[in-house]
C-alpha atoms as a PDB file:
ATOM      1  CA  MET A   1     122.207  66.681 114.508  1.00  0.00           C
ATOM      2  CA  THR A   2     124.570  69.519 115.415  1.00  0.00           C
ATOM      3  CA  ASP A   3     128.362  69.798 115.438  1.00  0.00           C
ATOM      4  CA  GLU A   4     128.423  69.804 119.246  1.00  0.00           C
ATOM      5  CA  ILE A   5     130.182  66.698 120.522  1.00  0.00           C
ATOM      6  CA  LEU A   6     128.575  65.444 123.733  1.00  0.00           C
ATOM      7  CA  LEU A   7     130.584  62.261 124.158  1.00  0.00           C
ATOM      8  CA  GLU A   8     133.987  61.352 122.809  1.00  0.00           C
ATOM      9  CA  VAL A   9     135.551  57.997 123.615  1.00  0.00           C
ATOM     10  CA  GLU A  10     139.114  57.364 122.460  1.00  0.00           C
ATOM     11  CA  HIS A  11     140.986  54.055 122.670  1.00  0.00           C
ATOM     12  CA  LEU A  12     139.001  52.908 125.699  1.00  0.00           C
ATOM     13  CA  GLN A  13     140.248  49.931 127.692  1.00  0.00           C
ATOM     14  CA  THR A  14     138.315  48.318 130.523  1.00  0.00           C
ATOM     15  CA  GLY A  15     137.228  44.989 131.966  1.00  0.00           C
ATOM     16  CA  TYR A  16     136.679  43.117 135.200  1.00  0.00           C
ATOM     17  CA  GLY A  17     139.672  42.679 137.487  1.00  0.00           C
ATOM     18  CA  ASP A  18     142.485  41.147 135.462  1.00  0.00           C
ATOM     19  CA  LEU A  19     140.146  40.291 132.589  1.00  0.00           C
ATOM     20  CA  LYS A  20     140.437  42.938 129.870  1.00  0.00           C
ATOM     21  CA  VAL A  21     137.217  42.865 127.822  1.00  0.00           C
ATOM     22  CA  VAL A  22     137.505  46.182 125.962  1.00  0.00           C
ATOM     23  CA  ARG A  23     140.901  46.764 124.380  1.00  0.00           C
ATOM     24  CA  ASP A  24     140.524  49.693 121.982  1.00  0.00           C
ATOM     25  CA  VAL A  25     137.106  51.289 121.456  1.00  0.00           C
ATOM     26  CA  SER A  26     136.513  54.765 120.067  1.00  0.00           C
ATOM     27  CA  LEU A  27     133.217  56.492 119.268  1.00  0.00           C
ATOM     28  CA  THR A  28     131.530  59.890 119.211  1.00  0.00           C
ATOM     29  CA  VAL A  29     128.004  61.046 120.032  1.00  0.00           C
ATOM     30  CA  ARG A  30     126.780  64.473 118.910  1.00  0.00           C
ATOM     31  CA  ALA A  31     123.928  66.587 120.247  1.00  0.00           C
ATOM     32  CA  GLY A  32     120.753  65.746 118.349  1.00  0.00           C
ATOM     33  CA  GLY A  33     122.329  62.608 116.939  1.00  0.00           C
ATOM     34  CA  ILE A  34     122.117  58.846 117.414  1.00  0.00           C
ATOM     35  CA  THR A  35     125.233  56.691 117.466  1.00  0.00           C
ATOM     36  CA  VAL A  36     124.528  52.960 117.272  1.00  0.00           C
ATOM     37  CA  LEU A  37     127.072  50.578 118.766  1.00  0.00           C
ATOM     38  CA  LEU A  38     126.837  47.112 117.229  1.00  0.00           C
ATOM     39  CA  GLY A  39     128.645  43.832 117.725  1.00  0.00           C
ATOM     40  CA  ARG A  40     128.131  40.168 118.369  1.00  0.00           C
ATOM     41  CA  ASN A  41     127.328  38.807 121.824  1.00  0.00           C
ATOM     42  CA  GLY A  42     130.432  39.043 123.986  1.00  0.00           C
ATOM     43  CA  ALA A  43     132.086  41.699 121.827  1.00  0.00           C
ATOM     44  CA  GLY A  44     132.259  44.163 124.736  1.00  0.00           C
ATOM     45  CA  LYS A  45     129.322  46.472 124.079  1.00  0.00           C
ATOM     46  CA  THR A  46     127.805  46.494 127.566  1.00  0.00           C
ATOM     47  CA  THR A  47     131.246  46.683 129.179  1.00  0.00           C
ATOM     48  CA  THR A  48     131.948  49.757 127.053  1.00  0.00           C
ATOM     49  CA  LEU A  49     128.751  51.400 128.293  1.00  0.00           C
ATOM     50  CA  ARG A  50     129.597  50.566 131.898  1.00  0.00           C
ATOM     51  CA  ALA A  51     132.950  52.319 131.549  1.00  0.00           C
ATOM     52  CA  ILE A  52     131.366  55.368 129.902  1.00  0.00           C
ATOM     53  CA  THR A  53     128.841  55.681 132.726  1.00  0.00           C
ATOM     54  CA  GLY A  54     131.369  55.119 135.502  1.00  0.00           C
ATOM     55  CA  LEU A  55     130.185  51.662 136.600  1.00  0.00           C
ATOM     56  CA  ASN A  56     133.466  50.132 135.399  1.00  0.00           C
ATOM     57  CA  ARG A  57     136.868  51.756 135.810  1.00  0.00           C
ATOM     58  CA  ALA A  58     138.634  52.622 132.538  1.00  0.00           C
ATOM     59  CA  SER A  59     142.169  51.205 132.601  1.00  0.00           C
ATOM     60  CA  GLY A  60     143.214  53.061 129.473  1.00  0.00           C
ATOM     61  CA  GLY A  61     142.043  55.574 126.900  1.00  0.00           C
ATOM     62  CA  THR A  62     139.848  58.625 127.431  1.00  0.00           C
ATOM     63  CA  VAL A  63     136.152  59.354 127.999  1.00  0.00           C
ATOM     64  CA  ARG A  64     135.199  63.005 127.473  1.00  0.00           C
ATOM     65  CA  TYR A  65     131.722  64.352 128.130  1.00  0.00           C
ATOM     66  CA  ARG A  66     130.908  67.880 126.934  1.00  0.00           C
ATOM     67  CA  GLY A  67     134.633  68.532 126.606  1.00  0.00           C
ATOM     68  CA  GLU A  68     135.535  67.341 130.113  1.00  0.00           C
ATOM     69  CA  THR A  69     137.675  64.266 130.696  1.00  0.00           C
ATOM     70  CA  LEU A  70     135.731  62.165 133.183  1.00  0.00           C
ATOM     71  CA  GLY A  71     138.573  60.062 134.560  1.00  0.00           C
ATOM     72  CA  ASP A  72     137.474  58.750 137.970  1.00  0.00           C
ATOM     73  CA  VAL A  73     134.248  60.804 138.182  1.00  0.00           C
ATOM     74  CA  PRO A  74     131.789  58.396 139.905  1.00  0.00           C
ATOM     75  CA  ALA A  75     128.618  57.179 138.235  1.00  0.00           C
ATOM     76  CA  HIS A  76     126.177  59.267 140.298  1.00  0.00           C
ATOM     77  CA  LYS A  77     128.009  62.472 139.434  1.00  0.00           C
ATOM     78  CA  ARG A  78     127.895  61.593 135.739  1.00  0.00           C
ATOM     79  CA  VAL A  79     124.114  61.322 136.073  1.00  0.00           C
ATOM     80  CA  GLY A  80     124.096  64.729 137.746  1.00  0.00           C
ATOM     81  CA  ARG A  81     125.952  66.187 134.775  1.00  0.00           C
ATOM     82  CA  GLY A  82     123.307  65.004 132.332  1.00  0.00           C
ATOM     83  CA  MET A  83     124.151  61.408 131.452  1.00  0.00           C
ATOM     84  CA  SER A  84     121.385  58.776 131.836  1.00  0.00           C
ATOM     85  CA  TYR A  85     121.851  55.033 131.341  1.00  0.00           C
ATOM     86  CA  VAL A  86     119.080  52.526 130.648  1.00  0.00           C
ATOM     87  CA  GLN A  87     120.579  49.118 131.330  1.00  0.00           C
ATOM     88  CA  GLU A  88     119.431  45.994 129.506  1.00  0.00           C
ATOM     89  CA  GLY A  89     116.622  43.923 130.945  1.00  0.00           C
ATOM     90  CA  LYS A  90     113.784  46.435 131.519  1.00  0.00           C
ATOM     91  CA  ARG A  91     114.878  47.342 135.061  1.00  0.00           C
ATOM     92  CA  VAL A  92     111.772  48.868 136.604  1.00  0.00           C
ATOM     93  CA  PHE A  93     110.126  48.561 140.023  1.00  0.00           C
ATOM     94  CA  HIS A  94     107.468  45.950 139.304  1.00  0.00           C
ATOM     95  CA  GLU A  95     105.382  46.454 142.457  1.00  0.00           C
ATOM     96  CA  LEU A  96     105.138  50.231 142.016  1.00  0.00           C
ATOM     97  CA  THR A  97     102.746  52.013 139.688  1.00  0.00           C
ATOM     98  CA  ILE A  98     103.907  53.491 136.427  1.00  0.00           C
ATOM     99  CA  GLU A  99     103.652  57.001 137.833  1.00  0.00           C
ATOM    100  CA  GLN A 100     105.577  56.057 140.975  1.00  0.00           C
ATOM    101  CA  ASN A 101     108.330  54.565 138.801  1.00  0.00           C
ATOM    102  CA  LEU A 102     108.596  57.806 136.842  1.00  0.00           C
ATOM    103  CA  LEU A 103     108.650  59.996 139.946  1.00  0.00           C
ATOM    104  CA  LEU A 104     111.474  57.893 141.371  1.00  0.00           C
ATOM    105  CA  GLY A 105     113.393  58.449 138.147  1.00  0.00           C
ATOM    106  CA  GLY A 106     113.248  62.206 138.757  1.00  0.00           C
ATOM    107  CA  MET A 107     114.207  62.199 142.437  1.00  0.00           C
ATOM    108  CA  SER A 108     117.914  62.589 141.695  1.00  0.00           C
ATOM    109  CA  THR A 109     117.272  66.018 140.183  1.00  0.00           C
ATOM    110  CA  GLY A 110     116.164  67.472 143.519  1.00  0.00           C
ATOM    111  CA  LYS A 111     113.308  69.273 141.780  1.00  0.00           C
ATOM    112  CA  ALA A 112     110.061  70.232 143.501  1.00  0.00           C
ATOM    113  CA  ARG A 113     106.992  68.021 143.047  1.00  0.00           C
ATOM    114  CA  ARG A 114     105.383  70.481 140.636  1.00  0.00           C
ATOM    115  CA  ALA A 115     108.386  70.271 138.310  1.00  0.00           C
ATOM    116  CA  LEU A 116     108.399  66.488 138.571  1.00  0.00           C
ATOM    117  CA  ASP A 117     104.703  66.340 137.718  1.00  0.00           C
ATOM    118  CA  ARG A 118     105.378  68.459 134.637  1.00  0.00           C
ATOM    119  CA  ALA A 119     108.176  66.105 133.612  1.00  0.00           C
ATOM    120  CA  VAL A 120     105.852  63.123 134.063  1.00  0.00           C
ATOM    121  CA  ARG A 121     103.300  64.721 131.741  1.00  0.00           C
ATOM    122  CA  GLU A 122     106.028  65.123 129.114  1.00  0.00           C
ATOM    123  CA  ILE A 123     106.790  61.406 129.376  1.00  0.00           C
ATOM    124  CA  TYR A 124     103.105  60.626 128.885  1.00  0.00           C
ATOM    125  CA  GLU A 125     103.122  62.720 125.721  1.00  0.00           C
ATOM    126  CA  LEU A 126     106.070  60.718 124.397  1.00  0.00           C
ATOM    127  CA  PHE A 127     104.669  57.351 125.508  1.00  0.00           C
ATOM    128  CA  PRO A 128     100.848  57.713 125.612  1.00  0.00           C
ATOM    129  CA  ILE A 129     100.367  54.119 126.779  1.00  0.00           C
ATOM    130  CA  LEU A 130     102.129  54.989 130.042  1.00  0.00           C
ATOM    131  CA  GLY A 131      99.657  57.775 130.690  1.00  0.00           C
ATOM    132  CA  GLU A 132      96.726  55.486 129.984  1.00  0.00           C
ATOM    133  CA  LYS A 133      98.011  52.942 132.522  1.00  0.00           C
ATOM    134  CA  ARG A 134      99.589  55.342 135.018  1.00  0.00           C
ATOM    135  CA  SER A 135      97.821  53.843 138.054  1.00  0.00           C
ATOM    136  CA  LEU A 136      98.675  50.223 137.227  1.00  0.00           C
ATOM    137  CA  THR A 137     101.764  48.419 138.502  1.00  0.00           C
ATOM    138  CA  ALA A 138     104.724  47.951 136.208  1.00  0.00           C
ATOM    139  CA  ALA A 139     104.326  44.180 136.638  1.00  0.00           C
ATOM    140  CA  SER A 140     101.004  44.350 134.762  1.00  0.00           C
ATOM    141  CA  MET A 141     102.615  45.776 131.620  1.00  0.00           C
ATOM    142  CA  SER A 142     103.935  43.997 128.549  1.00  0.00           C
ATOM    143  CA  GLY A 143     107.666  43.758 127.899  1.00  0.00           C
ATOM    144  CA  GLY A 144     107.539  46.569 125.373  1.00  0.00           C
ATOM    145  CA  GLN A 145     105.626  48.830 127.745  1.00  0.00           C
ATOM    146  CA  GLN A 146     108.103  48.097 130.539  1.00  0.00           C
ATOM    147  CA  GLN A 147     110.919  49.098 128.196  1.00  0.00           C
ATOM    148  CA  MET A 148     109.173  52.387 127.459  1.00  0.00           C
ATOM    149  CA  LEU A 149     108.805  52.903 131.204  1.00  0.00           C
ATOM    150  CA  ALA A 150     112.516  52.250 131.754  1.00  0.00           C
ATOM    151  CA  ILE A 151     113.338  54.870 129.115  1.00  0.00           C
ATOM    152  CA  GLY A 152     110.820  57.238 130.678  1.00  0.00           C
ATOM    153  CA  GLN A 153     112.498  56.845 134.070  1.00  0.00           C
ATOM    154  CA  ALA A 154     115.837  57.845 132.566  1.00  0.00           C
ATOM    155  CA  LEU A 155     114.297  60.831 130.803  1.00  0.00           C
ATOM    156  CA  MET A 156     112.929  62.168 134.092  1.00  0.00           C
ATOM    157  CA  ALA A 157     116.479  63.251 134.932  1.00  0.00           C
ATOM    158  CA  LYS A 158     116.440  65.546 131.849  1.00  0.00           C
ATOM    159  CA  PRO A 159     119.645  64.112 130.350  1.00  0.00           C
ATOM    160  CA  ARG A 160     121.723  65.660 127.603  1.00  0.00           C
ATOM    161  CA  LEU A 161     123.037  62.182 126.761  1.00  0.00           C
ATOM    162  CA  LEU A 162     120.841  59.064 126.850  1.00  0.00           C
ATOM    163  CA  ILE A 163     122.565  55.667 126.778  1.00  0.00           C
ATOM    164  CA  LEU A 164     120.410  52.657 125.912  1.00  0.00           C
ATOM    165  CA  ASP A 165     121.567  49.050 126.196  1.00  0.00           C
ATOM    166  CA  GLU A 166     119.547  46.785 123.894  1.00  0.00           C
ATOM    167  CA  PRO A 167     116.069  48.290 124.396  1.00  0.00           C
ATOM    168  CA  SER A 168     114.653  45.832 121.841  1.00  0.00           C
ATOM    169  CA  GLN A 169     115.794  42.751 123.765  1.00  0.00           C
ATOM    170  CA  GLY A 170     113.027  40.141 123.967  1.00  0.00           C
ATOM    171  CA  LEU A 171     110.459  42.276 122.134  1.00  0.00           C
ATOM    172  CA  ALA A 172     108.264  41.329 119.185  1.00  0.00           C
ATOM    173  CA  PRO A 173     109.343  42.883 115.858  1.00  0.00           C
ATOM    174  CA  VAL A 174     106.362  45.247 115.713  1.00  0.00           C
ATOM    175  CA  ILE A 175     107.181  46.531 119.222  1.00  0.00           C
ATOM    176  CA  VAL A 176     110.852  46.916 118.297  1.00  0.00           C
ATOM    177  CA  LYS A 177     109.848  49.286 115.506  1.00  0.00           C
ATOM    178  CA  GLU A 178     107.675  51.295 117.917  1.00  0.00           C
ATOM    179  CA  VAL A 179     110.500  51.616 120.448  1.00  0.00           C
ATOM    180  CA  MET A 180     112.911  52.688 117.705  1.00  0.00           C
ATOM    181  CA  GLU A 181     110.449  55.319 116.510  1.00  0.00           C
ATOM    182  CA  ARG A 182     110.281  56.770 120.025  1.00  0.00           C
ATOM    183  CA  VAL A 183     114.073  56.765 120.327  1.00  0.00           C
ATOM    184  CA  HIS A 184     114.360  58.533 116.982  1.00  0.00           C
ATOM    185  CA  ALA A 185     111.865  61.168 118.126  1.00  0.00           C
ATOM    186  CA  LEU A 186     114.000  61.943 121.183  1.00  0.00           C
ATOM    187  CA  LYS A 187     116.888  63.281 119.132  1.00  0.00           C
ATOM    188  CA  GLU A 188     114.654  66.080 117.857  1.00  0.00           C
ATOM    189  CA  THR A 189     114.957  67.586 121.353  1.00  0.00           C
ATOM    190  CA  GLY A 190     118.696  68.022 120.842  1.00  0.00           C
ATOM    191  CA  MET A 191     119.557  65.068 123.054  1.00  0.00           C
ATOM    192  CA  GLY A 192     122.454  62.827 122.077  1.00  0.00           C
ATOM    193  CA  ILE A 193     121.774  59.082 122.107  1.00  0.00           C
ATOM    194  CA  LEU A 194     124.173  56.147 122.319  1.00  0.00           C
ATOM    195  CA  LEU A 195     122.304  52.982 121.421  1.00  0.00           C
ATOM    196  CA  VAL A 196     123.597  49.419 121.785  1.00  0.00           C
ATOM    197  CA  GLU A 197     121.532  46.993 119.750  1.00  0.00           C
ATOM    198  CA  GLN A 198     121.254  43.520 118.274  1.00  0.00           C
ATOM    199  CA  ALA A 199     118.418  44.620 115.962  1.00  0.00           C
ATOM    200  CA  VAL A 200     120.869  45.765 113.303  1.00  0.00           C
ATOM    201  CA  GLN A 201     118.553  46.914 110.518  1.00  0.00           C
ATOM    202  CA  ASP A 202     116.094  48.712 112.777  1.00  0.00           C
ATOM    203  CA  SER A 203     118.823  50.555 114.685  1.00  0.00           C
ATOM    204  CA  VAL A 204     120.927  51.525 111.673  1.00  0.00           C
ATOM    205  CA  ALA A 205     117.754  52.899 110.032  1.00  0.00           C
ATOM    206  CA  ILE A 206     117.477  55.589 112.750  1.00  0.00           C
ATOM    207  CA  ALA A 207     121.206  56.166 113.292  1.00  0.00           C
ATOM    208  CA  ASP A 208     123.391  59.069 112.297  1.00  0.00           C
ATOM    209  CA  ASP A 209     126.621  57.215 113.075  1.00  0.00           C
ATOM    210  CA  VAL A 210     127.461  53.538 113.346  1.00  0.00           C
ATOM    211  CA  SER A 211     130.260  51.832 115.240  1.00  0.00           C
ATOM    212  CA  VAL A 212     130.946  48.094 115.342  1.00  0.00           C
ATOM    213  CA  ILE A 213     133.167  46.377 117.877  1.00  0.00           C
ATOM    214  CA  GLU A 214     134.567  42.866 117.775  1.00  0.00           C
ATOM    215  CA  MET A 215     136.692  41.244 120.480  1.00  0.00           C
ATOM    216  CA  GLY A 216     136.789  44.535 122.359  1.00  0.00           C
ATOM    217  CA  ARG A 217     138.043  46.634 119.455  1.00  0.00           C
ATOM    218  CA  THR A 218     136.400  49.101 117.093  1.00  0.00           C
ATOM    219  CA  VAL A 219     136.442  47.499 113.658  1.00  0.00           C
ATOM    220  CA  LEU A 220     134.088  49.851 111.810  1.00  0.00           C
ATOM    221  CA  ALA A 221     133.028  53.456 112.361  1.00  0.00           C
ATOM    222  CA  GLY A 222     131.294  55.863 110.028  1.00  0.00           C
ATOM    223  CA  ALA A 223     128.215  57.869 109.109  1.00  0.00           C
ATOM    224  CA  ALA A 224     125.161  55.613 108.888  1.00  0.00           C
ATOM    225  CA  ASP A 225     124.366  56.717 105.343  1.00  0.00           C
ATOM    226  CA  THR A 226     127.826  55.594 104.166  1.00  0.00           C
ATOM    227  CA  VAL A 227     127.917  52.206 105.891  1.00  0.00           C
ATOM    228  CA  THR A 228     126.716  49.405 103.630  1.00  0.00           C
ATOM    229  CA  LEU A 229     125.404  45.955 104.450  1.00  0.00           C
ATOM    230  CA  GLU A 230     128.661  44.576 103.071  1.00  0.00           C
ATOM    231  CA  ASP A 231     130.615  46.815 105.466  1.00  0.00           C
ATOM    232  CA  LEU A 232     128.607  45.462 108.389  1.00  0.00           C
ATOM    233  CA  GLN A 233     129.059  41.861 107.304  1.00  0.00           C
ATOM    234  CA  LYS A 234     132.831  42.342 107.071  1.00  0.00           C
ATOM    235  CA  ALA A 235     132.908  44.027 110.462  1.00  0.00           C
ATOM    236  CA  TYR A 236     130.869  41.277 112.130  1.00  0.00           C
ATOM    237  CA  PHE A 237     132.697  38.358 110.580  1.00  0.00           C
ATOM    238  CA  GLY A 238     136.027  39.783 109.452  1.00  0.00           C
ATOM    239  CA  GLY A 239     137.496  40.164 112.946  1.00  0.00           C
ATOM    240  CA  PRO A 240     139.608  43.015 114.323  1.00  0.00           C
ATOM    241  CA  ASP A 241     141.539  43.455 111.079  1.00  0.00           C
ATOM    242  CA  ALA A 242     138.422  44.617 109.213  1.00  0.00           C
ATOM    243  CA  GLU A 243     138.787  48.062 107.670  1.00  0.00           C
ATOM    244  CA  SER A 244     136.928  51.036 109.163  1.00  0.00           C
ATOM    245  CA  ALA A 245     134.562  53.109 107.052  1.00  0.00           C
ATOM    246  CA  ALA A 246     135.682  56.590 106.160  1.00  0.00           C
END
């Protein structure tokens, strides 16, 4: 992890119409680092990600990416600036082959086919199972393999910042560990990763920084190696008055 801050969120507020879901969330993601965003169901994690990526309008606070305040920059332009978002639910094109799915993921870059083919080979190196099954449809793959494909699609855009929303959802424990290992390997490229997870132990084990939100507010934030199990328990069950880690 470097000192370069890719993403800085300060006192974010957002929601849906008149319903304010996120009231005060702050977090930071550094180049070559993993920030894990934790919280109970309904705490506002996915809504936070939607505001960061431009899918929801921020009604308050600030989102800065690589030093630039994003404000009303639309979602597609955020992708063009190096921000990729893998939404929950393994969203892939089931009737297309694995390779076709990956090529579609790279179309937004405007690169020539030769460059896209090279990017596909890099994905196969990261996820060998995708290369082995490249000619099969996504529908034929297991849940864990579809999740790897969804991540691979996002990586085709060559992001500086990768945002993952619960990649372990619905996966067997052994597959969760494999997915987490691949996510951890990605940071060695210098990429920054913001990871929302319910698999607390597995995600904290690969994290550099941890942030917990409850009822739309940040209740704990700190370096992963300083956050204890007791800290997490207080943050999860102590409500918005829980103390933040130093």
